[in-house]
Amino acid sequence: MAEHIVPLSGNLSGQQFNSFKIAASTLIEQGNVYVSVAGYLTVPSAANAATGYLPVLALETVDNSLGAAGDLSAQCTWGVEIDLPNDGTHPVSQNDVGKPGYLSSSFAVSDTSADGPPVQYIVEYNQPYQISGRPVRVKI
């Protein structure tokens, strides 16, 4: 008898999971966004802008602040939509919806490419149901 396969079963959301090695002297905090540079997770910044490195969402907190590159790893995901605070210096506006955003830190999004590596695109700006500043929903 053949095995029954349920149509459209599996991970249909596009969400991906993986364990990433952490850069030297780096603290990875659950819920923040990081990028893999030279094979190691690090904090997004202007130093790694325009690189196209994959942004990922940390699913756990791992402290490698006293370790060498690759000593520890962290579980991460991507292919998800998340809400981030708007950057104070180069804020996202309604005009930026549908365009790429840029990670000015591990927890803020900017509209300026020089601020950090890109997210896929800005989904929503200034959600009315949010009370914390000018939040921005992005797809990573």
Protein backbone atom coordinates (compact mmCIF):
# COMPACT_ATOMS: atom_id res chain seq x y z
CA MET A 1 0.00 0.00 0.00
CA ALA A 2 1.29 3.47 -0.91
CA GLU A 3 1.91 6.11 1.71
CA HIS A 4 -0.78 8.79 1.88
CA ILE A 5 0.66 12.30 1.46
CA VAL A 6 -1.50 15.20 2.50
CA PRO A 7 -1.58 17.85 -0.26
CA LEU A 8 0.08 21.15 0.65
CA SER A 9 1.55 19.80 3.88
CA GLY A 10 4.77 21.14 5.35
CA ASN A 11 6.17 24.61 5.88
CA LEU A 12 4.01 26.76 3.61
CA SER A 13 4.88 30.04 5.30
CA GLY A 14 8.33 30.26 3.73
CA GLN A 15 9.84 30.55 7.21
CA GLN A 16 13.30 29.01 7.44
CA PHE A 17 15.31 27.86 10.47
CA ASN A 18 19.02 27.28 10.98
CA SER A 19 21.79 27.42 13.54
CA PHE A 20 24.37 30.15 12.88
CA LYS A 21 27.86 30.44 14.38
CA ILE A 22 28.38 33.65 16.34
CA ALA A 23 31.16 36.20 15.76
CA ALA A 24 33.79 36.77 18.45
CA SER A 25 32.84 39.06 21.33
CA THR A 26 29.16 39.14 20.32
CA LEU A 27 25.99 38.89 22.40
CA ILE A 28 22.99 37.56 20.47
CA GLU A 29 19.65 38.53 22.04
CA GLN A 30 16.39 36.71 21.35
CA GLY A 31 14.00 38.76 19.22
CA ASN A 32 16.68 40.98 17.65
CA VAL A 33 17.82 40.86 14.02
CA TYR A 34 21.40 39.97 13.03
CA VAL A 35 23.35 39.36 9.83
CA SER A 36 25.81 36.65 8.90
CA VAL A 37 29.10 38.27 7.87
CA ALA A 38 31.99 36.01 6.80
CA GLY A 39 29.99 33.07 8.17
CA TYR A 40 29.38 34.50 11.67
CA LEU A 41 26.38 36.30 13.18
CA THR A 42 27.03 39.93 13.98
CA VAL A 43 25.09 43.12 14.73
CA PRO A 44 23.87 44.98 11.61
CA SER A 45 25.55 48.35 11.15
CA ALA A 46 26.83 50.84 8.59
CA ALA A 47 30.04 48.78 8.45
CA ASN A 48 28.17 45.91 6.79
CA ALA A 49 25.74 48.00 4.70
CA ALA A 50 25.33 47.30 0.99
CA THR A 51 26.59 43.76 1.50
CA GLY A 52 23.31 41.96 0.87
CA TYR A 53 23.96 39.68 3.83
CA LEU A 54 20.98 37.65 5.00
CA PRO A 55 19.17 39.20 8.00
CA VAL A 56 17.91 36.64 10.52
CA LEU A 57 15.78 36.81 13.67
CA ALA A 58 17.41 35.31 16.78
CA LEU A 59 15.21 32.70 18.48
CA GLU A 60 17.40 32.48 21.56
CA THR A 61 19.85 34.54 23.60
CA VAL A 62 23.46 33.33 23.39
CA ASP A 63 26.38 35.19 24.98
CA ASN A 64 29.62 34.75 23.06
CA SER A 65 31.05 38.03 24.39
CA LEU A 66 34.06 36.20 25.88
CA GLY A 67 34.42 33.64 23.08
CA ALA A 68 36.18 33.38 19.75
CA ALA A 69 34.36 33.36 16.41
CA GLY A 70 32.38 30.15 16.06
CA ASP A 71 32.66 29.01 19.69
CA LEU A 72 28.87 29.19 20.08
CA SER A 73 25.85 29.09 17.76
CA ALA A 74 22.32 30.51 17.89
CA GLN A 75 19.05 29.26 16.41
CA CYS A 76 17.59 31.80 13.98
CA THR A 77 14.77 32.16 11.47
CA TRP A 78 14.04 34.21 8.36
CA GLY A 79 11.23 34.50 5.82
CA VAL A 80 9.03 36.18 8.46
CA GLU A 81 7.41 39.57 9.05
CA ILE A 82 8.41 41.38 12.24
CA ASP A 83 7.77 44.78 13.82
CA LEU A 84 10.78 47.00 14.52
CA PRO A 85 11.16 50.54 15.87
CA ASN A 86 11.71 53.26 13.29
CA ASP A 87 15.23 54.72 13.11
CA GLY A 88 15.43 58.16 14.71
CA THR A 89 17.96 59.63 12.26
CA HIS A 90 16.66 58.28 8.92
CA PRO A 91 13.05 57.26 9.66
CA VAL A 92 10.88 55.19 7.35
CA SER A 93 7.69 56.86 6.08
CA GLN A 94 4.51 55.69 4.36
CA ASN A 95 6.29 56.45 1.07
CA ASP A 96 8.74 53.59 1.78
CA VAL A 97 6.13 50.80 1.99
CA GLY A 98 6.99 48.08 -0.55
CA LYS A 99 10.62 49.22 -0.81
CA PRO A 100 13.68 47.76 0.93
CA GLY A 101 14.43 48.95 4.46
CA TYR A 102 17.83 48.91 6.12
CA LEU A 103 18.90 47.64 9.55
CA SER A 104 20.57 50.50 11.38
CA SER A 105 20.94 48.21 14.44
CA SER A 106 19.75 44.80 15.59
CA PHE A 107 16.38 46.32 16.47
CA ALA A 108 15.71 49.40 14.26
CA VAL A 109 14.94 49.99 10.58
CA SER A 110 15.98 52.97 8.43
CA ASP A 111 15.18 54.19 4.91
CA THR A 112 18.86 54.88 4.08
CA SER A 113 21.04 52.18 2.51
CA ALA A 114 24.23 53.51 4.13
CA ASP A 115 22.81 52.73 7.60
CA GLY A 116 23.03 48.94 7.35
CA PRO A 117 22.17 45.77 5.44
CA PRO A 118 18.77 45.48 3.75
CA VAL A 119 15.59 43.71 4.78
CA GLN A 120 13.47 42.29 1.95
CA TYR A 121 10.91 45.09 2.08
CA ILE A 122 8.80 47.33 4.31
CA VAL A 123 5.34 45.82 4.76
CA GLU A 124 3.58 48.46 6.85
CA TYR A 125 4.37 51.81 8.43
CA ASN A 126 3.02 53.27 11.68
CA GLN A 127 0.52 50.54 12.47
CA PRO A 128 -2.48 52.14 14.21
CA TYR A 129 -2.78 49.30 16.75
CA GLN A 130 0.77 49.87 18.05
CA ILE A 131 1.43 52.32 20.84
CA SER A 132 5.24 52.31 20.85
CA GLY A 133 6.46 55.18 18.69
CA ARG A 134 6.39 54.76 14.91
CA PRO A 135 6.73 51.00 14.42
CA VAL A 136 7.58 49.51 11.05
CA ARG A 137 6.67 45.99 9.91
CA VAL A 138 9.35 44.44 7.66
CA LYS A 139 9.88 41.14 5.87
CA ILE A 140 13.25 39.53 6.57
